[in-house]
Amino acid sequence: MTDKIKVKNNINAKNKPLLSANLKANEYEIHLKRIKNQTNT
């Protein structure tokens, strides 16, 4: 039981940097879209 939890935590720890990188990429895309919208109007 505890071994399974440890494995799950390891997977989560490995995926966290990827998740934060994806969030930053999404925020950046939204930011770029806002800039485009501002220049269009």
PDB file of N, CA and C in Angstrom:
ATOM      1  N   MET A   1       0.834  -1.213   0.000  1.00  0.00           N
ATOM      2  CA  MET A   1       0.000   0.000   0.000  1.00  0.00           C
ATOM      3  C   MET A   1       0.867   1.260   0.000  1.00  0.00           C
ATOM      4  N   THR A   2       1.806   1.338   0.934  1.00  0.00           N
ATOM      5  CA  THR A   2       2.642   2.538   0.995  1.00  0.00           C
ATOM      6  C   THR A   2       3.545   2.656  -0.230  1.00  0.00           C
ATOM      7  N   ASP A   3       3.968   1.516  -0.790  1.00  0.00           N
ATOM      8  CA  ASP A   3       4.800   1.554  -1.991  1.00  0.00           C
ATOM      9  C   ASP A   3       4.040   2.183  -3.151  1.00  0.00           C
ATOM     10  N   LYS A   4       2.768   1.838  -3.289  1.00  0.00           N
ATOM     11  CA  LYS A   4       1.955   2.417  -4.358  1.00  0.00           C
ATOM     12  C   LYS A   4       1.844   3.928  -4.193  1.00  0.00           C
ATOM     13  N   ILE A   5       1.648   4.360  -2.958  1.00  0.00           N
ATOM     14  CA  ILE A   5       1.542   5.800  -2.693  1.00  0.00           C
ATOM     15  C   ILE A   5       2.851   6.495  -3.050  1.00  0.00           C
ATOM     16  N   LYS A   6       3.982   5.869  -2.693  1.00  0.00           N
ATOM     17  CA  LYS A   6       5.290   6.453  -3.011  1.00  0.00           C
ATOM     18  C   LYS A   6       5.463   6.606  -4.515  1.00  0.00           C
ATOM     19  N   VAL A   7       5.075   5.571  -5.259  1.00  0.00           N
ATOM     20  CA  VAL A   7       5.191   5.622  -6.720  1.00  0.00           C
ATOM     21  C   VAL A   7       4.328   6.752  -7.268  1.00  0.00           C
ATOM     22  N   LYS A   8       3.113   6.861  -6.751  1.00  0.00           N
ATOM     23  CA  LYS A   8       2.200   7.907  -7.213  1.00  0.00           C
ATOM     24  C   LYS A   8       2.796   9.289  -6.944  1.00  0.00           C
ATOM     25  N   ASN A   9       3.372   9.468  -5.763  1.00  0.00           N
ATOM     26  CA  ASN A   9       3.989  10.747  -5.427  1.00  0.00           C
ATOM     27  C   ASN A   9       5.171  11.052  -6.330  1.00  0.00           C
ATOM     28  N   ASN A  10       5.959  10.022  -6.670  1.00  0.00           N
ATOM     29  CA  ASN A  10       7.086  10.220  -7.577  1.00  0.00           C
ATOM     30  C   ASN A  10       6.611  10.681  -8.945  1.00  0.00           C
ATOM     31  N   ILE A  11       5.543  10.061  -9.447  1.00  0.00           N
ATOM     32  CA  ILE A  11       4.995  10.442 -10.754  1.00  0.00           C
ATOM     33  C   ILE A  11       4.510  11.886 -10.699  1.00  0.00           C
ATOM     34  N   ASN A  12       3.805  12.232  -9.628  1.00  0.00           N
ATOM     35  CA  ASN A  12       3.319  13.604  -9.477  1.00  0.00           C
ATOM     36  C   ASN A  12       4.472  14.593  -9.446  1.00  0.00           C
ATOM     37  N   ALA A  13       5.533  14.253  -8.729  1.00  0.00           N
ATOM     38  CA  ALA A  13       6.687  15.145  -8.625  1.00  0.00           C
ATOM     39  C   ALA A  13       7.349  15.337  -9.987  1.00  0.00           C
ATOM     40  N   LYS A  14       7.400  14.271 -10.781  1.00  0.00           N
ATOM     41  CA  LYS A  14       8.004  14.376 -12.108  1.00  0.00           C
ATOM     42  C   LYS A  14       7.137  15.207 -13.046  1.00  0.00           C
ATOM     43  N   ASN A  15       5.814  15.113 -12.892  1.00  0.00           N
ATOM     44  CA  ASN A  15       4.904  15.815 -13.797  1.00  0.00           C
ATOM     45  C   ASN A  15       4.711  17.279 -13.436  1.00  0.00           C
ATOM     46  N   LYS A  16       5.004  17.652 -12.201  1.00  0.00           N
ATOM     47  CA  LYS A  16       4.766  19.037 -11.772  1.00  0.00           C
ATOM     48  C   LYS A  16       5.477  20.071 -12.638  1.00  0.00           C
ATOM     49  N   PRO A  17       6.771  19.896 -12.944  1.00  0.00           N
ATOM     50  CA  PRO A  17       7.422  20.883 -13.819  1.00  0.00           C
ATOM     51  C   PRO A  17       6.745  20.989 -15.178  1.00  0.00           C
ATOM     52  N   LEU A  18       6.297  19.844 -15.709  1.00  0.00           N
ATOM     53  CA  LEU A  18       5.600  19.859 -16.996  1.00  0.00           C
ATOM     54  C   LEU A  18       4.300  20.633 -16.891  1.00  0.00           C
ATOM     55  N   LEU A  19       3.556  20.393 -15.814  1.00  0.00           N
ATOM     56  CA  LEU A  19       2.287  21.085 -15.629  1.00  0.00           C
ATOM     57  C   LEU A  19       2.495  22.585 -15.537  1.00  0.00           C
ATOM     58  N   SER A  20       3.480  23.016 -14.758  1.00  0.00           N
ATOM     59  CA  SER A  20       3.715  24.451 -14.609  1.00  0.00           C
ATOM     60  C   SER A  20       4.196  25.053 -15.922  1.00  0.00           C
ATOM     61  N   ALA A  21       4.980  24.309 -16.692  1.00  0.00           N
ATOM     62  CA  ALA A  21       5.430  24.800 -17.996  1.00  0.00           C
ATOM     63  C   ALA A  21       4.245  24.968 -18.938  1.00  0.00           C
ATOM     64  N   ASN A  22       3.318  24.011 -18.906  1.00  0.00           N
ATOM     65  CA  ASN A  22       2.132  24.109 -19.754  1.00  0.00           C
ATOM     66  C   ASN A  22       1.272  25.298 -19.356  1.00  0.00           C
ATOM     67  N   LEU A  23       1.117  25.518 -18.051  1.00  0.00           N
ATOM     68  CA  LEU A  23       0.334  26.656 -17.585  1.00  0.00           C
ATOM     69  C   LEU A  23       0.955  27.962 -18.052  1.00  0.00           C
ATOM     70  N   LYS A  24       2.282  28.066 -17.947  1.00  0.00           N
ATOM     71  CA  LYS A  24       2.965  29.282 -18.377  1.00  0.00           C
ATOM     72  C   LYS A  24       2.796  29.492 -19.874  1.00  0.00           C
ATOM     73  N   ALA A  25       2.867  28.420 -20.647  1.00  0.00           N
ATOM     74  CA  ALA A  25       2.684  28.516 -22.094  1.00  0.00           C
ATOM     75  C   ALA A  25       1.272  29.000 -22.415  1.00  0.00           C
ATOM     76  N   ASN A  26       0.279  28.470 -21.702  1.00  0.00           N
ATOM     77  CA  ASN A  26      -1.101  28.898 -21.922  1.00  0.00           C
ATOM     78  C   ASN A  26      -1.277  30.367 -21.574  1.00  0.00           C
ATOM     79  N   GLU A  27      -0.711  30.790 -20.456  1.00  0.00           N
ATOM     80  CA  GLU A  27      -0.804  32.195 -20.056  1.00  0.00           C
ATOM     81  C   GLU A  27      -0.161  33.090 -21.101  1.00  0.00           C
ATOM     82  N   TYR A  28       0.973  32.645 -21.646  1.00  0.00           N
ATOM     83  CA  TYR A  28       1.687  33.423 -22.656  1.00  0.00           C
ATOM     84  C   TYR A  28       0.846  33.549 -23.924  1.00  0.00           C
ATOM     85  N   GLU A  29       0.198  32.448 -24.337  1.00  0.00           N
ATOM     86  CA  GLU A  29      -0.661  32.488 -25.522  1.00  0.00           C
ATOM     87  C   GLU A  29      -1.818  33.448 -25.314  1.00  0.00           C
ATOM     88  N   ILE A  30      -2.431  33.396 -24.134  1.00  0.00           N
ATOM     89  CA  ILE A  30      -3.534  34.310 -23.819  1.00  0.00           C
ATOM     90  C   ILE A  30      -3.035  35.749 -23.873  1.00  0.00           C
ATOM     91  N   HIS A  31      -1.846  35.978 -23.335  1.00  0.00           N
ATOM     92  CA  HIS A  31      -1.237  37.303 -23.338  1.00  0.00           C
ATOM     93  C   HIS A  31      -1.044  37.797 -24.770  1.00  0.00           C
ATOM     94  N   LEU A  32      -0.534  36.934 -25.642  1.00  0.00           N
ATOM     95  CA  LEU A  32      -0.325  37.311 -27.042  1.00  0.00           C
ATOM     96  C   LEU A  32      -1.649  37.628 -27.724  1.00  0.00           C
ATOM     97  N   LYS A  33      -2.691  36.835 -27.440  1.00  0.00           N
ATOM     98  CA  LYS A  33      -4.004  37.084 -28.033  1.00  0.00           C
ATOM     99  C   LYS A  33      -4.536  38.441 -27.597  1.00  0.00           C
ATOM    100  N   ARG A  34      -4.329  38.792 -26.321  1.00  0.00           N
ATOM    101  CA  ARG A  34      -4.780  40.091 -25.821  1.00  0.00           C
ATOM    102  C   ARG A  34      -4.079  41.216 -26.565  1.00  0.00           C
ATOM    103  N   ILE A  35      -2.774  41.068 -26.770  1.00  0.00           N
ATOM    104  CA  ILE A  35      -2.020  42.098 -27.480  1.00  0.00           C
ATOM    105  C   ILE A  35      -2.561  42.246 -28.902  1.00  0.00           C
ATOM    106  N   LYS A  36      -2.830  41.116 -29.566  1.00  0.00           N
ATOM    107  CA  LYS A  36      -3.371  41.155 -30.928  1.00  0.00           C
ATOM    108  C   LYS A  36      -4.716  41.865 -30.945  1.00  0.00           C
ATOM    109  N   ASN A  37      -5.570  41.542 -29.978  1.00  0.00           N
ATOM    110  CA  ASN A  37      -6.889  42.168 -29.910  1.00  0.00           C
ATOM    111  C   ASN A  37      -6.772  43.672 -29.702  1.00  0.00           C
ATOM    112  N   GLN A  38      -5.811  44.089 -28.890  1.00  0.00           N
ATOM    113  CA  GLN A  38      -5.631  45.517 -28.628  1.00  0.00           C
ATOM    114  C   GLN A  38      -5.160  46.242 -29.885  1.00  0.00           C
ATOM    115  N   THR A  39      -4.278  45.620 -30.667  1.00  0.00           N
ATOM    116  CA  THR A  39      -3.769  46.285 -31.863  1.00  0.00           C
ATOM    117  C   THR A  39      -4.819  46.307 -32.965  1.00  0.00           C
ATOM    118  N   ASN A  40      -5.733  45.326 -32.980  1.00  0.00           N
ATOM    119  CA  ASN A  40      -6.770  45.280 -34.010  1.00  0.00           C
ATOM    120  C   ASN A  40      -7.803  46.378 -33.816  1.00  0.00           C
ATOM    121  N   THR A  41      -8.130  46.708 -32.581  1.00  0.00           N
ATOM    122  CA  THR A  41      -9.195  47.681 -32.326  1.00  0.00           C
ATOM    123  C   THR A  41      -8.668  49.102 -32.387  1.00  0.00           C
TER     124      THR A  41
END
